[in-house]
């Protein structure tokens, strides 16, 4: 089917959106940097890296420090996390055949919250490592608990996720109750999500698993069209249980990486795929790449609001929640609580 002019325009806008968000975000901050200087510095840096001249002199030494050591790693981290959450949301909504599903339904966020609280208050361990380990443990327990009579259904997976969420949140609350004031503040701030501590070290740790996971989902995206049919996909010769496990594992893994380094940032995985689906339809061959693009751009803009709306930085989890709730209400009314694919 040939795309209509309006559809072509929307497609172009979605693909350009991350670039626009990137350039806009580079200009926004307490230290204003003009766009021409940004373009010149990025071009100079690309040329320097391409030709091996890493010690290229800059005409904007202060600007360069602000951009390449502070602002750019934060923006890149936000784009990676936004992509991870958006593509995870798209995958889970297809598997559960419901647009009201987000990336934390499997207990990932609750497990990460417990791991972070444990590391901050009681263990001499890295917060990131502990949050990641317990988020993946929560996903594994959810999947194990949902297996009934040798098979896993969507309903059993959702119910198991609710149980694991409640369990790990209760454990995290118990730890917070036992903490000193300083550790308690640290846990509360971490739970609200932030990119304030993002640097190139954080970016390097997020980039490889996130990019690899998004590429795998992109290459296998046509399976999601079949899985969105539910158990009827068995008729087409698809091993639904196996494919569901693969997709849930990938979505959980890249979400766990994002949560471990940036805290809990909700609603992006819910909002982004639904915006794309409303405009371009449920075909995952287009839905997956556009969700990646839109998720990265939306996360960067949300972080811009978080760090520039007031004199002090607002945790980005608060921003995404405020923006996400009206959209969630709209979805409930639109679908009447049912499935998008039903």
Protein backbone atom coordinates (compact mmCIF):
# COMPACT_ATOMS: atom_id res chain seq x y z
CA UNK A 1 0.00 0.00 0.00
CA UNK A 2 1.39 3.36 -1.04
CA UNK A 3 1.69 5.82 1.89
CA UNK A 4 -0.50 8.90 1.68
CA UNK A 5 1.20 12.34 1.67
CA UNK A 6 0.08 12.96 5.28
CA UNK A 7 1.46 9.59 6.35
CA UNK A 8 4.76 10.31 4.60
CA UNK A 9 4.99 13.68 6.35
CA UNK A 10 4.26 12.08 9.72
CA UNK A 11 6.92 9.44 9.05
CA UNK A 12 9.51 12.11 8.23
CA UNK A 13 8.60 14.09 11.35
CA UNK A 14 9.00 11.02 13.56
CA UNK A 15 12.41 10.23 12.08
CA UNK A 16 13.60 13.84 12.41
CA UNK A 17 12.18 14.22 15.93
CA UNK A 18 15.21 12.70 17.76
CA UNK A 19 17.59 14.99 15.86
CA UNK A 20 15.48 18.04 16.70
CA UNK A 21 15.30 17.00 20.37
CA UNK A 22 19.05 16.43 20.45
CA UNK A 23 19.96 19.84 19.04
CA UNK A 24 17.37 21.63 21.19
CA UNK A 25 18.64 19.92 24.33
CA UNK A 26 22.22 20.85 23.56
CA UNK A 27 21.17 24.51 23.67
CA UNK A 28 19.13 24.25 26.89
CA UNK A 29 20.72 24.60 30.29
CA UNK A 30 21.88 27.01 32.97
CA UNK A 31 24.86 27.85 30.73
CA UNK A 32 23.50 28.97 27.36
CA UNK A 33 25.36 27.76 24.28
CA UNK A 34 24.35 29.14 20.84
CA UNK A 35 23.36 26.64 18.17
CA UNK A 36 26.02 27.76 15.59
CA UNK A 37 28.75 27.10 18.15
CA UNK A 38 27.25 23.67 18.88
CA UNK A 39 27.17 22.72 15.20
CA UNK A 40 30.76 23.89 14.68
CA UNK A 41 32.05 22.01 17.73
CA UNK A 42 30.25 18.78 16.82
CA UNK A 43 31.53 19.00 13.23
CA UNK A 44 35.07 19.68 14.46
CA UNK A 45 34.89 16.76 16.89
CA UNK A 46 33.60 14.38 14.21
CA UNK A 47 36.40 15.44 11.85
CA UNK A 48 38.97 15.08 14.61
CA UNK A 49 37.78 11.56 15.50
CA UNK A 50 37.55 10.55 11.84
CA UNK A 51 41.12 11.58 11.05
CA UNK A 52 42.55 10.53 14.38
CA UNK A 53 43.23 14.04 15.68
CA UNK A 54 41.79 13.73 19.15
CA UNK A 55 43.68 16.80 20.42
CA UNK A 56 41.97 19.23 18.06
CA UNK A 57 42.12 22.80 19.37
CA UNK A 58 38.76 24.45 19.97
CA UNK A 59 37.80 28.09 19.61
CA UNK A 60 35.18 27.54 22.33
CA UNK A 61 37.02 25.92 25.28
CA UNK A 62 34.30 26.70 27.85
CA UNK A 63 31.50 25.72 25.51
CA UNK A 64 33.29 22.49 24.66
CA UNK A 65 33.64 21.51 28.30
CA UNK A 66 29.97 22.18 29.00
CA UNK A 67 28.82 20.29 25.93
CA UNK A 68 31.11 17.27 25.75
CA UNK A 69 31.69 16.60 29.44
CA UNK A 70 28.33 17.54 30.98
CA UNK A 71 25.47 18.01 28.56
CA UNK A 72 26.19 15.52 25.76
CA UNK A 73 26.60 12.37 27.92
CA UNK A 74 23.39 13.22 29.74
CA UNK A 75 21.49 13.65 26.47
CA UNK A 76 22.88 10.43 25.01
CA UNK A 77 21.99 8.53 28.19
CA UNK A 78 18.44 9.91 28.06
CA UNK A 79 18.07 8.90 24.41
CA UNK A 80 19.30 5.37 25.12
CA UNK A 81 17.00 4.93 28.12
CA UNK A 82 14.04 6.38 26.21
CA UNK A 83 14.66 3.97 23.34
CA UNK A 84 14.95 1.02 25.72
CA UNK A 85 11.73 1.80 27.59
CA UNK A 86 9.77 2.57 24.41
CA UNK A 87 10.75 -0.59 22.56
CA UNK A 88 10.17 -2.68 25.70
CA UNK A 89 6.71 -1.17 26.05
CA UNK A 90 5.91 -1.93 22.41
CA UNK A 91 7.04 -5.54 22.83
CA UNK A 92 5.04 -6.16 26.00
CA UNK A 93 1.91 -4.50 24.62
CA UNK A 94 2.06 -6.85 21.65
CA UNK A 95 2.61 -9.92 23.80
CA UNK A 96 -0.14 -9.04 26.29
CA UNK A 97 -2.37 -7.68 23.50
CA UNK A 98 -3.22 -4.65 25.61
CA UNK A 99 -2.18 -0.99 25.17
CA UNK A 100 -2.36 -0.35 28.92
CA UNK A 101 0.69 -2.50 29.65
CA UNK A 102 4.00 -0.83 30.42
CA UNK A 103 7.54 -2.03 30.95
CA UNK A 104 7.28 -2.61 34.69
CA UNK A 105 4.45 -5.14 34.74
CA UNK A 106 6.86 -8.05 35.33
CA UNK A 107 8.12 -6.69 38.65
CA UNK A 108 11.29 -5.22 37.15
CA UNK A 109 10.98 -1.82 38.80
CA UNK A 110 10.06 -3.29 42.19
CA UNK A 111 13.04 -5.62 42.07
CA UNK A 112 15.33 -2.75 41.12
CA UNK A 113 13.91 -0.64 43.97
CA UNK A 114 14.68 -3.38 46.46
CA UNK A 115 18.19 -3.87 45.05
CA UNK A 116 18.96 -0.16 45.18
CA UNK A 117 17.64 0.17 48.73
CA UNK A 118 19.71 -2.83 49.81
CA UNK A 119 22.91 -1.39 48.31
CA UNK A 120 22.38 2.17 49.57
CA UNK A 121 21.46 1.22 53.11
CA UNK A 122 23.07 -2.08 53.97
CA UNK A 123 25.53 -3.51 51.44
CA UNK A 124 28.95 -2.23 50.26
CA UNK A 125 27.85 -2.96 46.70
CA UNK A 126 27.29 -0.87 43.61
CA UNK A 127 23.75 0.49 43.45
CA UNK A 128 23.64 -0.13 39.71
CA UNK A 129 24.76 -3.75 39.97
CA UNK A 130 22.42 -4.53 42.87
CA UNK A 131 19.43 -2.90 41.15
CA UNK A 132 20.13 -4.79 37.93
CA UNK A 133 20.58 -8.17 39.65
CA UNK A 134 17.35 -7.92 41.63
CA UNK A 135 15.35 -6.56 38.70
CA UNK A 136 16.37 -9.59 36.63
CA UNK A 137 15.68 -11.85 39.62
CA UNK A 138 12.17 -10.39 39.86
CA UNK A 139 11.60 -11.10 36.17
CA UNK A 140 12.86 -14.68 36.55
CA UNK A 141 10.61 -15.31 39.57
CA UNK A 142 7.64 -13.80 37.73
CA UNK A 143 8.18 -16.08 34.76
CA UNK A 144 8.72 -19.15 36.97
CA UNK A 145 5.62 -18.43 39.05
CA UNK A 146 3.44 -17.92 35.96
CA UNK A 147 4.17 -21.39 34.58
CA UNK A 148 1.16 -23.60 35.16
CA UNK A 149 0.98 -27.18 33.92
CA UNK A 150 4.01 -26.65 31.74
CA UNK A 151 2.72 -23.57 29.92
CA UNK A 152 2.54 -19.83 30.45
CA UNK A 153 -0.52 -17.74 29.62
CA UNK A 154 -0.83 -13.98 29.45
CA UNK A 155 -3.14 -13.90 32.47
CA UNK A 156 -0.82 -16.00 34.61
CA UNK A 157 2.13 -13.80 33.64
CA UNK A 158 0.26 -10.61 34.62
CA UNK A 159 -0.89 -12.07 37.92
CA UNK A 160 2.62 -13.30 38.72
CA UNK A 161 3.96 -9.84 37.91
CA UNK A 162 1.48 -8.25 40.31
CA UNK A 163 2.56 -10.66 43.04
CA UNK A 164 6.27 -9.99 42.50
CA UNK A 165 5.68 -6.24 42.41
CA UNK A 166 3.90 -6.35 45.73
CA UNK A 167 6.53 -8.65 47.25
CA UNK A 168 9.60 -6.61 46.30
CA UNK A 169 7.95 -3.28 47.07
CA UNK A 170 7.10 -4.59 50.53
CA UNK A 171 10.71 -5.67 51.04
CA UNK A 172 11.96 -2.28 49.81
CA UNK A 173 9.59 -0.51 52.21
CA UNK A 174 10.86 -2.68 55.07
CA UNK A 175 14.43 -1.68 54.24
CA UNK A 176 13.53 2.01 54.08
CA UNK A 177 11.81 1.73 57.46
CA UNK A 178 15.10 0.47 58.93
CA UNK A 179 17.38 3.10 57.36
CA UNK A 180 19.06 6.18 58.71
CA UNK A 181 17.84 9.53 57.37
CA UNK A 182 20.72 10.08 54.91
CA UNK A 183 20.36 6.65 53.28
CA UNK A 184 16.58 7.06 53.19
CA UNK A 185 16.89 10.32 51.25
CA UNK A 186 19.25 8.64 48.79
CA UNK A 187 16.80 5.79 48.16
CA UNK A 188 13.82 8.12 47.72
CA UNK A 189 15.74 10.28 45.23
CA UNK A 190 16.90 7.22 43.28
CA UNK A 191 13.35 5.88 43.05
CA UNK A 192 12.18 9.09 41.35
CA UNK A 193 14.70 8.72 38.51
CA UNK A 194 17.33 11.14 37.27
CA UNK A 195 20.04 11.62 34.65
CA UNK A 196 21.98 14.04 36.83
CA UNK A 197 24.84 11.59 37.40
CA UNK A 198 25.15 10.56 33.77
CA UNK A 199 28.66 10.67 32.32
CA UNK A 200 30.50 8.85 29.56
CA UNK A 201 31.11 5.90 31.87
CA UNK A 202 27.37 5.48 32.41
CA UNK A 203 26.71 5.92 28.69
CA UNK A 204 29.21 3.20 27.79
CA UNK A 205 27.54 0.76 30.18
CA UNK A 206 24.03 1.51 28.92
CA UNK A 207 24.83 1.74 25.22
CA UNK A 208 25.96 -1.80 24.35
CA UNK A 209 23.07 -3.79 25.90
CA UNK A 210 20.47 -1.23 24.86
CA UNK A 211 21.59 -0.98 21.24
CA UNK A 212 22.02 -4.76 20.99
CA UNK A 213 18.55 -5.37 22.44
CA UNK A 214 16.89 -2.83 20.14
CA UNK A 215 18.63 -4.31 17.09
CA UNK A 216 17.51 -7.84 17.98
CA UNK A 217 13.91 -6.71 18.47
CA UNK A 218 14.06 -4.74 15.21
CA UNK A 219 15.35 -7.73 13.24
CA UNK A 220 12.69 -10.02 14.75
CA UNK A 221 9.88 -7.45 14.76
CA UNK A 222 7.67 -9.31 12.29
CA UNK A 223 7.12 -12.05 14.91
CA UNK A 224 5.30 -9.50 17.08
CA UNK A 225 2.54 -9.19 14.47
CA UNK A 226 1.94 -12.91 14.86
CA UNK A 227 2.25 -12.95 18.66
CA UNK A 228 -0.32 -10.15 18.90
CA UNK A 229 -2.85 -12.71 17.65
CA UNK A 230 -2.53 -14.53 20.97
CA UNK A 231 -2.62 -18.32 21.23
CA UNK A 232 -4.02 -18.46 17.68
CA UNK A 233 -0.45 -17.88 16.48
CA UNK A 234 0.13 -21.61 17.11
CA UNK A 235 -1.85 -22.29 13.93
CA UNK A 236 0.86 -20.54 11.89
CA UNK A 237 3.54 -22.83 13.28
CA UNK A 238 4.94 -20.31 15.79
CA UNK A 239 6.12 -21.64 19.14
CA UNK A 240 4.28 -18.99 21.14
CA UNK A 241 5.78 -19.93 24.49
CA UNK A 242 9.35 -19.86 23.20
CA UNK A 243 8.97 -16.59 21.29
CA UNK A 244 7.16 -14.97 24.20
CA UNK A 245 10.01 -15.95 26.53
CA UNK A 246 12.62 -14.53 24.13
CA UNK A 247 10.84 -11.19 23.74
CA UNK A 248 10.03 -10.84 27.44
CA UNK A 249 13.67 -11.61 28.31
CA UNK A 250 15.01 -8.98 25.92
CA UNK A 251 12.49 -6.35 27.06
CA UNK A 252 13.22 -7.11 30.70
CA UNK A 253 16.98 -7.03 30.20
CA UNK A 254 17.19 -3.63 28.50
CA UNK A 255 14.64 -2.19 30.94
CA UNK A 256 16.67 -3.52 33.86
CA UNK A 257 19.82 -1.86 32.47
CA UNK A 258 18.02 1.47 32.11
CA UNK A 259 16.46 1.30 35.57
CA UNK A 260 19.73 0.26 37.22
CA UNK A 261 21.62 3.35 36.06
CA UNK A 262 18.91 6.01 35.98
CA UNK A 263 16.31 4.96 38.53
CA UNK A 264 12.64 4.29 37.92
CA UNK A 265 11.22 6.35 35.06
CA UNK A 266 7.64 5.42 34.33
CA UNK A 267 5.10 6.00 31.56
CA UNK A 268 7.51 6.35 28.61
CA UNK A 269 7.05 2.69 27.73
CA UNK A 270 3.28 3.16 27.92
CA UNK A 271 2.89 6.44 26.06
CA UNK A 272 5.34 6.15 23.17
CA UNK A 273 4.13 2.94 21.45
CA UNK A 274 0.52 4.09 21.71
CA UNK A 275 1.28 7.42 20.05
CA UNK A 276 3.01 5.63 17.18
CA UNK A 277 0.27 3.00 16.95
CA UNK A 278 -2.46 5.65 16.83
CA UNK A 279 -0.82 7.33 13.83
CA UNK A 280 0.73 4.45 11.89
CA UNK A 281 -1.28 1.42 12.97
CA UNK A 282 -0.30 -1.80 14.78
CA UNK A 283 2.19 -3.17 12.20
CA UNK A 284 5.36 -3.77 14.23
CA UNK A 285 7.58 -3.56 11.17
CA UNK A 286 7.05 0.20 11.44
CA UNK A 287 5.98 0.44 15.07
CA UNK A 288 9.29 -0.79 16.51
CA UNK A 289 11.70 1.61 14.74
CA UNK A 290 9.38 4.59 15.20
CA UNK A 291 8.91 3.77 18.89
CA UNK A 292 12.69 3.78 19.28
CA UNK A 293 12.93 7.17 17.58
CA UNK A 294 10.00 8.70 19.44
CA UNK A 295 11.05 7.27 22.81
CA UNK A 296 14.53 8.76 22.56
CA UNK A 297 13.19 12.17 21.60
CA UNK A 298 10.46 12.24 24.26
CA UNK A 299 12.86 11.23 27.02
CA UNK A 300 15.30 13.98 26.09
CA UNK A 301 12.56 16.62 26.08
CA UNK A 302 11.23 15.35 29.43
CA UNK A 303 14.75 15.65 30.84
CA UNK A 304 14.94 19.21 29.47
CA UNK A 305 11.82 20.05 31.47
CA UNK A 306 13.24 18.34 34.55
CA UNK A 307 16.50 20.30 34.52
CA UNK A 308 15.31 23.69 33.30
CA UNK A 309 11.74 24.24 34.54
CA UNK A 310 12.85 25.51 37.95
CA UNK A 311 16.06 26.68 39.59
CA UNK A 312 16.57 23.19 41.04
CA UNK A 313 16.37 19.94 39.12
CA UNK A 314 13.13 17.97 39.27
CA UNK A 315 13.44 14.15 39.21
CA UNK A 316 12.47 13.06 35.72
CA UNK A 317 10.16 10.35 37.05
CA UNK A 318 7.88 13.10 38.35
CA UNK A 319 7.82 14.81 34.94
CA UNK A 320 7.01 11.65 32.98
CA UNK A 321 4.30 10.68 35.49
CA UNK A 322 2.58 14.08 35.27
CA UNK A 323 2.69 13.91 31.48
CA UNK A 324 1.66 10.26 31.37
CA UNK A 325 -1.41 10.22 33.61
CA UNK A 326 -3.70 12.25 31.26
CA UNK A 327 -2.67 10.04 28.36
CA UNK A 328 -3.35 6.90 30.43
CA UNK A 329 -6.84 8.18 31.24
CA UNK A 330 -7.40 8.80 27.54
CA UNK A 331 -6.34 5.23 26.73
CA UNK A 332 -8.68 3.76 29.33
CA UNK A 333 -11.62 5.68 27.88
CA UNK A 334 -10.64 4.84 24.31
CA UNK A 335 -10.21 1.10 24.86
CA UNK A 336 -12.71 0.77 27.74
CA UNK A 337 -10.01 -1.13 29.62
CA UNK A 338 -9.85 -3.82 26.94
CA UNK A 339 -7.15 -4.89 24.54
CA UNK A 340 -6.03 -2.94 21.53
CA UNK A 341 -5.80 -6.12 19.52
CA UNK A 342 -9.03 -7.70 20.73
